């Protein structure tokens, strides 16, 4: 597998650690951000192949981040996997690659991630 970079956007350090280990074990390079503002900045400035973001975060939430990513020519093609313990409405997740409800299995998110980047 090509060395893809995933940006994990999550304010819970426990979830960040879980996801970082899972993605590193699957061969991804990992970058992290604690909120949507930091994630948007990194997505614009760095070579990111996939974004996994929580929906509920301080500052800028995952829905707003997704909207901003899709409106920016530099980031609109980056696939986004949304994660949350709450189920969002279909309109809220429009434009995302996938949604996973917490808790989820490591294998589920890695399978989705590999599918999201396979054509890059």
PDB file of N, CA and C in Angstrom:
ATOM      1  N   UNK A   1       0.838  -1.185   0.000  1.00  0.00           N
ATOM      2  CA  UNK A   1       0.000   0.000   0.000  1.00  0.00           C
ATOM      3  C   UNK A   1       0.884   1.251   0.000  1.00  0.00           C
ATOM      4  N   UNK A   2       0.510   2.221  -0.814  1.00  0.00           N
ATOM      5  CA  UNK A   2       1.206   3.509  -0.841  1.00  0.00           C
ATOM      6  C   UNK A   2       1.164   4.117   0.555  1.00  0.00           C
ATOM      7  N   UNK A   3       2.129   4.954   0.867  1.00  0.00           N
ATOM      8  CA  UNK A   3       2.198   5.544   2.197  1.00  0.00           C
ATOM      9  C   UNK A   3       1.253   6.749   2.290  1.00  0.00           C
ATOM     10  N   UNK A   4      -0.003   6.496   2.599  1.00  0.00           N
ATOM     11  CA  UNK A   4      -1.017   7.544   2.701  1.00  0.00           C
ATOM     12  C   UNK A   4      -0.953   8.218   4.068  1.00  0.00           C
ATOM     13  N   UNK A   5      -1.364   9.489   4.096  1.00  0.00           N
ATOM     14  CA  UNK A   5      -1.405  10.235   5.351  1.00  0.00           C
ATOM     15  C   UNK A   5      -2.847  10.502   5.735  1.00  0.00           C
ATOM     16  N   UNK A   6      -3.193  10.113   6.961  1.00  0.00           N
ATOM     17  CA  UNK A   6      -4.527  10.371   7.503  1.00  0.00           C
ATOM     18  C   UNK A   6      -4.416  11.475   8.552  1.00  0.00           C
ATOM     19  N   UNK A   7      -5.379  12.389   8.510  1.00  0.00           N
ATOM     20  CA  UNK A   7      -5.479  13.436   9.521  1.00  0.00           C
ATOM     21  C   UNK A   7      -6.636  13.065  10.440  1.00  0.00           C
ATOM     22  N   UNK A   8      -6.332  12.817  11.706  1.00  0.00           N
ATOM     23  CA  UNK A   8      -7.338  12.476  12.713  1.00  0.00           C
ATOM     24  C   UNK A   8      -7.719  13.752  13.449  1.00  0.00           C
ATOM     25  N   UNK A   9      -9.003  14.080  13.396  1.00  0.00           N
ATOM     26  CA  UNK A   9      -9.502  15.305  14.026  1.00  0.00           C
ATOM     27  C   UNK A   9     -10.444  14.896  15.151  1.00  0.00           C
ATOM     28  N   UNK A  10      -9.972  15.053  16.370  1.00  0.00           N
ATOM     29  CA  UNK A  10     -10.702  14.530  17.531  1.00  0.00           C
ATOM     30  C   UNK A  10     -10.205  15.230  18.775  1.00  0.00           C
ATOM     31  N   UNK A  11     -11.128  15.611  19.664  1.00  0.00           N
ATOM     32  CA  UNK A  11     -10.720  16.292  20.895  1.00  0.00           C
ATOM     33  C   UNK A  11     -10.509  15.331  22.063  1.00  0.00           C
ATOM     34  N   UNK A  12     -10.843  14.066  21.906  1.00  0.00           N
ATOM     35  CA  UNK A  12     -10.620  13.067  22.959  1.00  0.00           C
ATOM     36  C   UNK A  12      -9.282  12.375  22.734  1.00  0.00           C
ATOM     37  N   UNK A  13      -8.359  12.550  23.662  1.00  0.00           N
ATOM     38  CA  UNK A  13      -7.018  11.956  23.535  1.00  0.00           C
ATOM     39  C   UNK A  13      -7.086  10.428  23.483  1.00  0.00           C
ATOM     40  N   UNK A  14      -8.045   9.832  24.168  1.00  0.00           N
ATOM     41  CA  UNK A  14      -8.196   8.372  24.161  1.00  0.00           C
ATOM     42  C   UNK A  14      -8.541   7.885  22.753  1.00  0.00           C
ATOM     43  N   UNK A  15      -9.467   8.569  22.107  1.00  0.00           N
ATOM     44  CA  UNK A  15      -9.867   8.188  20.747  1.00  0.00           C
ATOM     45  C   UNK A  15      -8.721   8.449  19.769  1.00  0.00           C
ATOM     46  N   UNK A  16      -8.011   9.550  19.932  1.00  0.00           N
ATOM     47  CA  UNK A  16      -6.865   9.858  19.078  1.00  0.00           C
ATOM     48  C   UNK A  16      -5.832   8.738  19.167  1.00  0.00           C
ATOM     49  N   UNK A  17      -5.506   8.312  20.376  1.00  0.00           N
ATOM     50  CA  UNK A  17      -4.511   7.245  20.555  1.00  0.00           C
ATOM     51  C   UNK A  17      -4.971   5.940  19.914  1.00  0.00           C
ATOM     52  N   UNK A  18      -6.246   5.572  20.123  1.00  0.00           N
ATOM     53  CA  UNK A  18      -6.811   4.360  19.533  1.00  0.00           C
ATOM     54  C   UNK A  18      -6.699   4.406  18.009  1.00  0.00           C
ATOM     55  N   UNK A  19      -7.136   5.520  17.414  1.00  0.00           N
ATOM     56  CA  UNK A  19      -7.113   5.652  15.959  1.00  0.00           C
ATOM     57  C   UNK A  19      -5.685   5.718  15.422  1.00  0.00           C
ATOM     58  N   UNK A  20      -4.814   6.441  16.097  1.00  0.00           N
ATOM     59  CA  UNK A  20      -3.422   6.570  15.637  1.00  0.00           C
ATOM     60  C   UNK A  20      -2.739   5.206  15.576  1.00  0.00           C
ATOM     61  N   UNK A  21      -2.928   4.396  16.591  1.00  0.00           N
ATOM     62  CA  UNK A  21      -2.338   3.051  16.605  1.00  0.00           C
ATOM     63  C   UNK A  21      -2.916   2.209  15.475  1.00  0.00           C
ATOM     64  N   UNK A  22      -4.232   2.242  15.311  1.00  0.00           N
ATOM     65  CA  UNK A  22      -4.893   1.457  14.261  1.00  0.00           C
ATOM     66  C   UNK A  22      -4.379   1.845  12.876  1.00  0.00           C
ATOM     67  N   UNK A  23      -4.296   3.153  12.612  1.00  0.00           N
ATOM     68  CA  UNK A  23      -3.850   3.607  11.298  1.00  0.00           C
ATOM     69  C   UNK A  23      -2.369   3.337  11.068  1.00  0.00           C
ATOM     70  N   UNK A  24      -1.536   3.525  12.080  1.00  0.00           N
ATOM     71  CA  UNK A  24      -0.106   3.226  11.926  1.00  0.00           C
ATOM     72  C   UNK A  24       0.098   1.737  11.659  1.00  0.00           C
ATOM     73  N   UNK A  25      -0.632   0.891  12.386  1.00  0.00           N
ATOM     74  CA  UNK A  25      -0.539  -0.560  12.179  1.00  0.00           C
ATOM     75  C   UNK A  25      -0.974  -0.959  10.772  1.00  0.00           C
ATOM     76  N   UNK A  26      -1.867  -0.168  10.167  1.00  0.00           N
ATOM     77  CA  UNK A  26      -2.360  -0.444   8.811  1.00  0.00           C
ATOM     78  C   UNK A  26      -1.472   0.193   7.732  1.00  0.00           C
ATOM     79  N   UNK A  27      -0.403   0.877   8.141  1.00  0.00           N
ATOM     80  CA  UNK A  27       0.541   1.431   7.181  1.00  0.00           C
ATOM     81  C   UNK A  27       0.343   2.887   6.815  1.00  0.00           C
ATOM     82  N   UNK A  28      -0.540   3.582   7.508  1.00  0.00           N
ATOM     83  CA  UNK A  28      -0.770   5.003   7.251  1.00  0.00           C
ATOM     84  C   UNK A  28       0.198   5.859   8.062  1.00  0.00           C
ATOM     85  N   UNK A  29       0.547   7.028   7.515  1.00  0.00           N
ATOM     86  CA  UNK A  29       1.194   8.058   8.319  1.00  0.00           C
ATOM     87  C   UNK A  29       0.059   8.804   9.013  1.00  0.00           C
ATOM     88  N   UNK A  30       0.302   9.278  10.225  1.00  0.00           N
ATOM     89  CA  UNK A  30      -0.765   9.894  11.018  1.00  0.00           C
ATOM     90  C   UNK A  30      -0.398  11.309  11.423  1.00  0.00           C
ATOM     91  N   UNK A  31      -1.344  12.212  11.207  1.00  0.00           N
ATOM     92  CA  UNK A  31      -1.280  13.588  11.719  1.00  0.00           C
ATOM     93  C   UNK A  31      -2.542  13.780  12.550  1.00  0.00           C
ATOM     94  N   UNK A  32      -2.505  14.701  13.496  1.00  0.00           N
ATOM     95  CA  UNK A  32      -3.673  14.920  14.353  1.00  0.00           C
ATOM     96  C   UNK A  32      -3.995  16.405  14.474  1.00  0.00           C
ATOM     97  N   UNK A  33      -5.263  16.656  14.788  1.00  0.00           N
ATOM     98  CA  UNK A  33      -5.739  18.012  15.075  1.00  0.00           C
ATOM     99  C   UNK A  33      -6.820  17.894  16.141  1.00  0.00           C
ATOM    100  N   UNK A  34      -6.918  18.895  17.017  1.00  0.00           N
ATOM    101  CA  UNK A  34      -7.881  18.839  18.117  1.00  0.00           C
ATOM    102  C   UNK A  34      -9.228  19.468  17.782  1.00  0.00           C
ATOM    103  N   UNK A  35      -9.285  20.230  16.683  1.00  0.00           N
ATOM    104  CA  UNK A  35     -10.561  20.833  16.295  1.00  0.00           C
ATOM    105  C   UNK A  35     -10.543  21.132  14.799  1.00  0.00           C
ATOM    106  N   UNK A  36     -11.666  21.588  14.299  1.00  0.00           N
ATOM    107  CA  UNK A  36     -11.803  21.848  12.876  1.00  0.00           C
ATOM    108  C   UNK A  36     -10.906  22.942  12.335  1.00  0.00           C
ATOM    109  N   UNK A  37     -10.653  23.982  13.122  1.00  0.00           N
ATOM    110  CA  UNK A  37      -9.782  25.067  12.665  1.00  0.00           C
ATOM    111  C   UNK A  37      -8.372  24.556  12.388  1.00  0.00           C
ATOM    112  N   UNK A  38      -7.836  23.807  13.347  1.00  0.00           N
ATOM    113  CA  UNK A  38      -6.493  23.245  13.190  1.00  0.00           C
ATOM    114  C   UNK A  38      -6.467  22.263  12.019  1.00  0.00           C
ATOM    115  N   UNK A  39      -7.522  21.469  11.881  1.00  0.00           N
ATOM    116  CA  UNK A  39      -7.598  20.485  10.798  1.00  0.00           C
ATOM    117  C   UNK A  39      -7.637  21.153   9.431  1.00  0.00           C
ATOM    118  N   UNK A  40      -8.427  22.200   9.301  1.00  0.00           N
ATOM    119  CA  UNK A  40      -8.545  22.903   8.030  1.00  0.00           C
ATOM    120  C   UNK A  40      -7.193  23.491   7.619  1.00  0.00           C
ATOM    121  N   UNK A  41      -6.499  24.076   8.573  1.00  0.00           N
ATOM    122  CA  UNK A  41      -5.172  24.640   8.309  1.00  0.00           C
ATOM    123  C   UNK A  41      -4.203  23.556   7.828  1.00  0.00           C
ATOM    124  N   UNK A  42      -4.196  22.404   8.502  1.00  0.00           N
ATOM    125  CA  UNK A  42      -3.298  21.309   8.117  1.00  0.00           C
ATOM    126  C   UNK A  42      -3.695  20.723   6.762  1.00  0.00           C
ATOM    127  N   UNK A  43      -4.987  20.605   6.513  1.00  0.00           N
ATOM    128  CA  UNK A  43      -5.450  20.040   5.242  1.00  0.00           C
ATOM    129  C   UNK A  43      -5.030  20.911   4.063  1.00  0.00           C
ATOM    130  N   UNK A  44      -4.999  22.213   4.266  1.00  0.00           N
ATOM    131  CA  UNK A  44      -4.604  23.140   3.205  1.00  0.00           C
ATOM    132  C   UNK A  44      -3.088  23.133   3.005  1.00  0.00           C
ATOM    133  N   UNK A  45      -2.327  23.086   4.103  1.00  0.00           N
ATOM    134  CA  UNK A  45      -0.872  23.241   4.032  1.00  0.00           C
ATOM    135  C   UNK A  45      -0.107  21.930   3.813  1.00  0.00           C
ATOM    136  N   UNK A  46      -0.691  20.808   4.221  1.00  0.00           N
ATOM    137  CA  UNK A  46       0.048  19.540   4.197  1.00  0.00           C
ATOM    138  C   UNK A  46      -0.559  18.569   3.190  1.00  0.00           C
ATOM    139  N   UNK A  47       0.180  17.520   2.881  1.00  0.00           N
ATOM    140  CA  UNK A  47      -0.278  16.504   1.930  1.00  0.00           C
ATOM    141  C   UNK A  47      -1.100  15.446   2.684  1.00  0.00           C
ATOM    142  N   UNK A  48      -2.406  15.653   2.723  1.00  0.00           N
ATOM    143  CA  UNK A  48      -3.316  14.782   3.457  1.00  0.00           C
ATOM    144  C   UNK A  48      -4.139  13.970   2.452  1.00  0.00           C
ATOM    145  N   UNK A  49      -4.210  12.653   2.652  1.00  0.00           N
ATOM    146  CA  UNK A  49      -4.968  11.782   1.751  1.00  0.00           C
ATOM    147  C   UNK A  49      -6.344  11.417   2.271  1.00  0.00           C
ATOM    148  N   UNK A  50      -6.546  11.546   3.586  1.00  0.00           N
ATOM    149  CA  UNK A  50      -7.802  11.144   4.211  1.00  0.00           C
ATOM    150  C   UNK A  50      -7.964  11.913   5.513  1.00  0.00           C
ATOM    151  N   UNK A  51      -9.215  12.288   5.807  1.00  0.00           N
ATOM    152  CA  UNK A  51      -9.511  12.934   7.088  1.00  0.00           C
ATOM    153  C   UNK A  51     -10.555  12.110   7.815  1.00  0.00           C
ATOM    154  N   UNK A  52     -10.274  11.806   9.078  1.00  0.00           N
ATOM    155  CA  UNK A  52     -11.237  11.147   9.962  1.00  0.00           C
ATOM    156  C   UNK A  52     -11.545  12.156  11.054  1.00  0.00           C
ATOM    157  N   UNK A  53     -12.808  12.579  11.134  1.00  0.00           N
ATOM    158  CA  UNK A  53     -13.145  13.626  12.091  1.00  0.00           C
ATOM    159  C   UNK A  53     -14.365  13.284  12.930  1.00  0.00           C
ATOM    160  N   UNK A  54     -14.271  13.659  14.186  1.00  0.00           N
ATOM    161  CA  UNK A  54     -15.409  13.593  15.089  1.00  0.00           C
ATOM    162  C   UNK A  54     -16.379  14.701  14.681  1.00  0.00           C
ATOM    163  N   UNK A  55     -17.640  14.512  14.987  1.00  0.00           N
ATOM    164  CA  UNK A  55     -18.629  15.550  14.699  1.00  0.00           C
ATOM    165  C   UNK A  55     -18.694  16.595  15.795  1.00  0.00           C
ATOM    166  N   UNK A  56     -18.578  16.157  17.051  1.00  0.00           N
ATOM    167  CA  UNK A  56     -18.762  17.056  18.195  1.00  0.00           C
ATOM    168  C   UNK A  56     -17.428  17.472  18.777  1.00  0.00           C
ATOM    169  N   UNK A  57     -17.022  18.714  18.450  1.00  0.00           N
ATOM    170  CA  UNK A  57     -15.764  19.253  18.957  1.00  0.00           C
ATOM    171  C   UNK A  57     -15.950  20.722  19.274  1.00  0.00           C
ATOM    172  N   UNK A  58     -15.109  21.256  20.178  1.00  0.00           N
ATOM    173  CA  UNK A  58     -15.166  22.702  20.440  1.00  0.00           C
ATOM    174  C   UNK A  58     -14.624  23.463  19.235  1.00  0.00           C
ATOM    175  N   UNK A  59     -14.793  24.741  19.221  1.00  0.00           N
ATOM    176  CA  UNK A  59     -14.324  25.629  18.147  1.00  0.00           C
ATOM    177  C   UNK A  59     -15.107  25.364  16.865  1.00  0.00           C
ATOM    178  N   UNK A  60     -14.595  24.490  15.995  1.00  0.00           N
ATOM    179  CA  UNK A  60     -15.278  24.152  14.753  1.00  0.00           C
ATOM    180  C   UNK A  60     -15.617  22.659  14.770  1.00  0.00           C
ATOM    181  N   UNK A  61     -16.907  22.324  14.642  1.00  0.00           N
ATOM    182  CA  UNK A  61     -17.307  20.914  14.679  1.00  0.00           C
ATOM    183  C   UNK A  61     -17.047  20.229  13.330  1.00  0.00           C
ATOM    184  N   UNK A  62     -17.262  18.922  13.305  1.00  0.00           N
ATOM    185  CA  UNK A  62     -16.983  18.130  12.114  1.00  0.00           C
ATOM    186  C   UNK A  62     -17.845  18.481  10.916  1.00  0.00           C
ATOM    187  N   UNK A  63     -19.094  18.859  11.135  1.00  0.00           N
ATOM    188  CA  UNK A  63     -19.987  19.232  10.039  1.00  0.00           C
ATOM    189  C   UNK A  63     -19.496  20.516   9.368  1.00  0.00           C
ATOM    190  N   UNK A  64     -19.118  21.493  10.182  1.00  0.00           N
ATOM    191  CA  UNK A  64     -18.593  22.752   9.650  1.00  0.00           C
ATOM    192  C   UNK A  64     -17.258  22.521   8.948  1.00  0.00           C
ATOM    193  N   UNK A  65     -16.426  21.666   9.528  1.00  0.00           N
ATOM    194  CA  UNK A  65     -15.156  21.325   8.886  1.00  0.00           C
ATOM    195  C   UNK A  65     -15.410  20.709   7.516  1.00  0.00           C
ATOM    196  N   UNK A  66     -16.309  19.739   7.432  1.00  0.00           N
ATOM    197  CA  UNK A  66     -16.622  19.077   6.166  1.00  0.00           C
ATOM    198  C   UNK A  66     -17.071  20.109   5.122  1.00  0.00           C
ATOM    199  N   UNK A  67     -17.953  21.006   5.527  1.00  0.00           N
ATOM    200  CA  UNK A  67     -18.458  22.045   4.621  1.00  0.00           C
ATOM    201  C   UNK A  67     -17.302  22.915   4.113  1.00  0.00           C
ATOM    202  N   UNK A  68     -16.415  23.323   5.011  1.00  0.00           N
ATOM    203  CA  UNK A  68     -15.275  24.156   4.627  1.00  0.00           C
ATOM    204  C   UNK A  68     -14.307  23.419   3.707  1.00  0.00           C
ATOM    205  N   UNK A  69     -14.073  22.145   3.980  1.00  0.00           N
ATOM    206  CA  UNK A  69     -13.185  21.342   3.142  1.00  0.00           C
ATOM    207  C   UNK A  69     -13.742  21.231   1.725  1.00  0.00           C
ATOM    208  N   UNK A  70     -15.040  20.994   1.601  1.00  0.00           N
ATOM    209  CA  UNK A  70     -15.664  20.784   0.292  1.00  0.00           C
ATOM    210  C   UNK A  70     -15.787  22.080  -0.505  1.00  0.00           C
ATOM    211  N   UNK A  71     -15.723  23.229   0.164  1.00  0.00           N
ATOM    212  CA  UNK A  71     -15.804  24.526  -0.523  1.00  0.00           C
ATOM    213  C   UNK A  71     -14.438  25.058  -0.960  1.00  0.00           C
ATOM    214  N   UNK A  72     -13.364  24.380  -0.550  1.00  0.00           N
ATOM    215  CA  UNK A  72     -12.001  24.835  -0.845  1.00  0.00           C
ATOM    216  C   UNK A  72     -11.416  23.975  -1.965  1.00  0.00           C
ATOM    217  N   UNK A  73     -10.942  24.611  -3.034  1.00  0.00           N
ATOM    218  CA  UNK A  73     -10.382  23.878  -4.173  1.00  0.00           C
ATOM    219  C   UNK A  73      -9.197  22.997  -3.783  1.00  0.00           C
ATOM    220  N   UNK A  74      -8.428  23.397  -2.778  1.00  0.00           N
ATOM    221  CA  UNK A  74      -7.253  22.626  -2.359  1.00  0.00           C
ATOM    222  C   UNK A  74      -7.609  21.379  -1.550  1.00  0.00           C
ATOM    223  N   UNK A  75      -8.808  21.352  -0.975  1.00  0.00           N
ATOM    224  CA  UNK A  75      -9.155  20.252  -0.063  1.00  0.00           C
ATOM    225  C   UNK A  75     -10.418  19.484  -0.448  1.00  0.00           C
ATOM    226  N   UNK A  76     -11.126  19.927  -1.476  1.00  0.00           N
ATOM    227  CA  UNK A  76     -12.439  19.347  -1.762  1.00  0.00           C
ATOM    228  C   UNK A  76     -12.386  17.877  -2.189  1.00  0.00           C
ATOM    229  N   UNK A  77     -11.233  17.406  -2.644  1.00  0.00           N
ATOM    230  CA  UNK A  77     -11.120  16.011  -3.083  1.00  0.00           C
ATOM    231  C   UNK A  77     -10.641  15.064  -1.983  1.00  0.00           C
ATOM    232  N   UNK A  78     -10.332  15.585  -0.819  1.00  0.00           N
ATOM    233  CA  UNK A  78      -9.887  14.725   0.287  1.00  0.00           C
ATOM    234  C   UNK A  78     -11.109  13.999   0.852  1.00  0.00           C
ATOM    235  N   UNK A  79     -11.092  12.652   0.853  1.00  0.00           N
ATOM    236  CA  UNK A  79     -12.225  11.939   1.441  1.00  0.00           C
ATOM    237  C   UNK A  79     -12.281  12.151   2.955  1.00  0.00           C
ATOM    238  N   UNK A  80     -13.508  12.237   3.474  1.00  0.00           N
ATOM    239  CA  UNK A  80     -13.715  12.491   4.900  1.00  0.00           C
ATOM    240  C   UNK A  80     -14.603  11.391   5.478  1.00  0.00           C
ATOM    241  N   UNK A  81     -14.119  10.771   6.553  1.00  0.00           N
ATOM    242  CA  UNK A  81     -14.915   9.809   7.316  1.00  0.00           C
ATOM    243  C   UNK A  81     -15.324  10.501   8.605  1.00  0.00           C
ATOM    244  N   UNK A  82     -16.625  10.593   8.825  1.00  0.00           N
ATOM    245  CA  UNK A  82     -17.164  11.208  10.037  1.00  0.00           C
ATOM    246  C   UNK A  82     -17.402  10.146  11.087  1.00  0.00           C
ATOM    247  N   UNK A  83     -17.073  10.465  12.348  1.00  0.00           N
ATOM    248  CA  UNK A  83     -17.323   9.543  13.463  1.00  0.00           C
ATOM    249  C   UNK A  83     -18.026  10.296  14.584  1.00  0.00           C
ATOM    250  N   UNK A  84     -18.955   9.611  15.246  1.00  0.00           N
ATOM    251  CA  UNK A  84     -19.670  10.235  16.359  1.00  0.00           C
ATOM    252  C   UNK A  84     -20.485   9.181  17.090  1.00  0.00           C
ATOM    253  N   UNK A  85     -20.763   9.457  18.349  1.00  0.00           N
ATOM    254  CA  UNK A  85     -21.679   8.589  19.096  1.00  0.00           C
ATOM    255  C   UNK A  85     -23.123   8.952  18.774  1.00  0.00           C
ATOM    256  N   UNK A  86     -23.342  10.146  18.242  1.00  0.00           N
ATOM    257  CA  UNK A  86     -24.678  10.590  17.832  1.00  0.00           C
ATOM    258  C   UNK A  86     -24.854  10.366  16.337  1.00  0.00           C
ATOM    259  N   UNK A  87     -26.057  10.006  15.932  1.00  0.00           N
ATOM    260  CA  UNK A  87     -26.320   9.809  14.513  1.00  0.00           C
ATOM    261  C   UNK A  87     -26.798  11.130  13.909  1.00  0.00           C
ATOM    262  N   UNK A  88     -26.035  11.659  12.951  1.00  0.00           N
ATOM    263  CA  UNK A  88     -26.423  12.933  12.331  1.00  0.00           C
ATOM    264  C   UNK A  88     -27.503  12.719  11.269  1.00  0.00           C
ATOM    265  N   UNK A  89     -28.103  13.802  10.833  1.00  0.00           N
ATOM    266  CA  UNK A  89     -29.053  13.741   9.736  1.00  0.00           C
ATOM    267  C   UNK A  89     -28.331  13.553   8.415  1.00  0.00           C
ATOM    268  N   UNK A  90     -29.028  13.032   7.420  1.00  0.00           N
ATOM    269  CA  UNK A  90     -28.423  12.781   6.104  1.00  0.00           C
ATOM    270  C   UNK A  90     -27.878  14.055   5.470  1.00  0.00           C
ATOM    271  N   UNK A  91     -28.564  15.172   5.636  1.00  0.00           N
ATOM    272  CA  UNK A  91     -28.089  16.433   5.062  1.00  0.00           C
ATOM    273  C   UNK A  91     -26.776  16.877   5.691  1.00  0.00           C
ATOM    274  N   UNK A  92     -26.603  16.575   6.975  1.00  0.00           N
ATOM    275  CA  UNK A  92     -25.380  16.992   7.680  1.00  0.00           C
ATOM    276  C   UNK A  92     -24.154  16.254   7.160  1.00  0.00           C
ATOM    277  N   UNK A  93     -24.317  14.993   6.767  1.00  0.00           N
ATOM    278  CA  UNK A  93     -23.158  14.199   6.356  1.00  0.00           C
ATOM    279  C   UNK A  93     -22.987  14.141   4.831  1.00  0.00           C
ATOM    280  N   UNK A  94     -23.824  14.869   4.100  1.00  0.00           N
ATOM    281  CA  UNK A  94     -23.689  14.913   2.642  1.00  0.00           C
ATOM    282  C   UNK A  94     -22.298  15.423   2.281  1.00  0.00           C
ATOM    283  N   UNK A  95     -21.643  14.741   1.375  1.00  0.00           N
ATOM    284  CA  UNK A  95     -20.296  15.124   0.959  1.00  0.00           C
ATOM    285  C   UNK A  95     -19.208  14.332   1.657  1.00  0.00           C
ATOM    286  N   UNK A  96     -19.567  13.579   2.692  1.00  0.00           N
ATOM    287  CA  UNK A  96     -18.563  12.753   3.364  1.00  0.00           C
ATOM    288  C   UNK A  96     -18.431  11.424   2.632  1.00  0.00           C
ATOM    289  N   UNK A  97     -17.306  10.749   2.829  1.00  0.00           N
ATOM    290  CA  UNK A  97     -17.111   9.427   2.243  1.00  0.00           C
ATOM    291  C   UNK A  97     -17.948   8.405   3.001  1.00  0.00           C
ATOM    292  N   UNK A  98     -17.975   8.542   4.345  1.00  0.00           N
ATOM    293  CA  UNK A  98     -18.710   7.585   5.170  1.00  0.00           C
ATOM    294  C   UNK A  98     -18.938   8.163   6.560  1.00  0.00           C
ATOM    295  N   UNK A  99     -19.860   7.537   7.281  1.00  0.00           N
ATOM    296  CA  UNK A  99     -20.117   7.855   8.684  1.00  0.00           C
ATOM    297  C   UNK A  99     -20.024   6.567   9.482  1.00  0.00           C
ATOM    298  N   UNK A 100     -19.332   6.612  10.616  1.00  0.00           N
ATOM    299  CA  UNK A 100     -19.253   5.483  11.535  1.00  0.00           C
ATOM    300  C   UNK A 100     -19.712   5.933  12.909  1.00  0.00           C
ATOM    301  N   UNK A 101     -20.631   5.158  13.484  1.00  0.00           N
ATOM    302  CA  UNK A 101     -21.096   5.484  14.828  1.00  0.00           C
ATOM    303  C   UNK A 101     -20.174   4.846  15.861  1.00  0.00           C
ATOM    304  N   UNK A 102     -19.786   5.641  16.861  1.00  0.00           N
ATOM    305  CA  UNK A 102     -18.985   5.130  17.980  1.00  0.00           C
ATOM    306  C   UNK A 102     -19.895   4.313  18.892  1.00  0.00           C
ATOM    307  N   UNK A 103     -19.427   3.259  19.480  1.00  0.00           N
ATOM    308  CA  UNK A 103     -18.108   2.649  19.265  1.00  0.00           C
ATOM    309  C   UNK A 103     -18.102   1.823  17.974  1.00  0.00           C
ATOM    310  N   UNK A 104     -16.940   1.728  17.367  1.00  0.00           N
ATOM    311  CA  UNK A 104     -16.792   0.925  16.154  1.00  0.00           C
ATOM    312  C   UNK A 104     -15.535   0.087  16.298  1.00  0.00           C
ATOM    313  N   UNK A 105     -15.444  -0.939  15.451  1.00  0.00           N
ATOM    314  CA  UNK A 105     -14.277  -1.818  15.481  1.00  0.00           C
ATOM    315  C   UNK A 105     -13.154  -1.198  14.650  1.00  0.00           C
ATOM    316  N   UNK A 106     -11.947  -1.449  15.076  1.00  0.00           N
ATOM    317  CA  UNK A 106     -10.764  -0.980  14.353  1.00  0.00           C
ATOM    318  C   UNK A 106     -10.824  -1.437  12.899  1.00  0.00           C
ATOM    319  N   UNK A 107     -11.216  -2.674  12.680  1.00  0.00           N
ATOM    320  CA  UNK A 107     -11.266  -3.218  11.317  1.00  0.00           C
ATOM    321  C   UNK A 107     -12.249  -2.461  10.430  1.00  0.00           C
ATOM    322  N   UNK A 108     -13.343  -1.953  11.012  1.00  0.00           N
ATOM    323  CA  UNK A 108     -14.337  -1.207  10.231  1.00  0.00           C
ATOM    324  C   UNK A 108     -13.753   0.083   9.666  1.00  0.00           C
ATOM    325  N   UNK A 109     -13.078   0.845  10.515  1.00  0.00           N
ATOM    326  CA  UNK A 109     -12.565   2.141  10.053  1.00  0.00           C
ATOM    327  C   UNK A 109     -11.382   1.957   9.106  1.00  0.00           C
ATOM    328  N   UNK A 110     -10.580   0.938   9.329  1.00  0.00           N
ATOM    329  CA  UNK A 110      -9.449   0.688   8.432  1.00  0.00           C
ATOM    330  C   UNK A 110      -9.955   0.243   7.062  1.00  0.00           C
ATOM    331  N   UNK A 111     -10.980  -0.586   7.023  1.00  0.00           N
ATOM    332  CA  UNK A 111     -11.571  -1.017   5.746  1.00  0.00           C
ATOM    333  C   UNK A 111     -12.102   0.190   4.978  1.00  0.00           C
ATOM    334  N   UNK A 112     -12.846   1.057   5.674  1.00  0.00           N
ATOM    335  CA  UNK A 112     -13.364   2.272   5.036  1.00  0.00           C
ATOM    336  C   UNK A 112     -12.227   3.169   4.551  1.00  0.00           C
ATOM    337  N   UNK A 113     -11.203   3.318   5.371  1.00  0.00           N
ATOM    338  CA  UNK A 113     -10.064   4.180   5.020  1.00  0.00           C
ATOM    339  C   UNK A 113      -9.356   3.677   3.766  1.00  0.00           C
ATOM    340  N   UNK A 114      -9.130   2.382   3.695  1.00  0.00           N
ATOM    341  CA  UNK A 114      -8.453   1.820   2.511  1.00  0.00           C
ATOM    342  C   UNK A 114      -9.298   2.011   1.262  1.00  0.00           C
ATOM    343  N   UNK A 115     -10.597   1.855   1.391  1.00  0.00           N
ATOM    344  CA  UNK A 115     -11.498   2.097   0.254  1.00  0.00           C
ATOM    345  C   UNK A 115     -11.485   3.573  -0.161  1.00  0.00           C
ATOM    346  N   UNK A 116     -11.397   4.463   0.815  1.00  0.00           N
ATOM    347  CA  UNK A 116     -11.419   5.901   0.543  1.00  0.00           C
ATOM    348  C   UNK A 116     -10.190   6.367  -0.239  1.00  0.00           C
ATOM    349  N   UNK A 117      -9.044   5.747   0.006  1.00  0.00           N
ATOM    350  CA  UNK A 117      -7.797   6.214  -0.628  1.00  0.00           C
ATOM    351  C   UNK A 117      -7.352   5.365  -1.815  1.00  0.00           C
ATOM    352  N   UNK A 118      -8.060   4.295  -2.090  1.00  0.00           N
ATOM    353  CA  UNK A 118      -7.560   3.331  -3.090  1.00  0.00           C
ATOM    354  C   UNK A 118      -7.383   3.900  -4.494  1.00  0.00           C
ATOM    355  N   UNK A 119      -8.114   4.931  -4.857  1.00  0.00           N
ATOM    356  CA  UNK A 119      -8.003   5.494  -6.197  1.00  0.00           C
ATOM    357  C   UNK A 119      -7.077   6.710  -6.276  1.00  0.00           C
ATOM    358  N   UNK A 120      -6.376   7.012  -5.209  1.00  0.00           N
ATOM    359  CA  UNK A 120      -5.477   8.181  -5.190  1.00  0.00           C
ATOM    360  C   UNK A 120      -4.118   7.815  -5.753  1.00  0.00           C
TER     361      UNK A 120
END
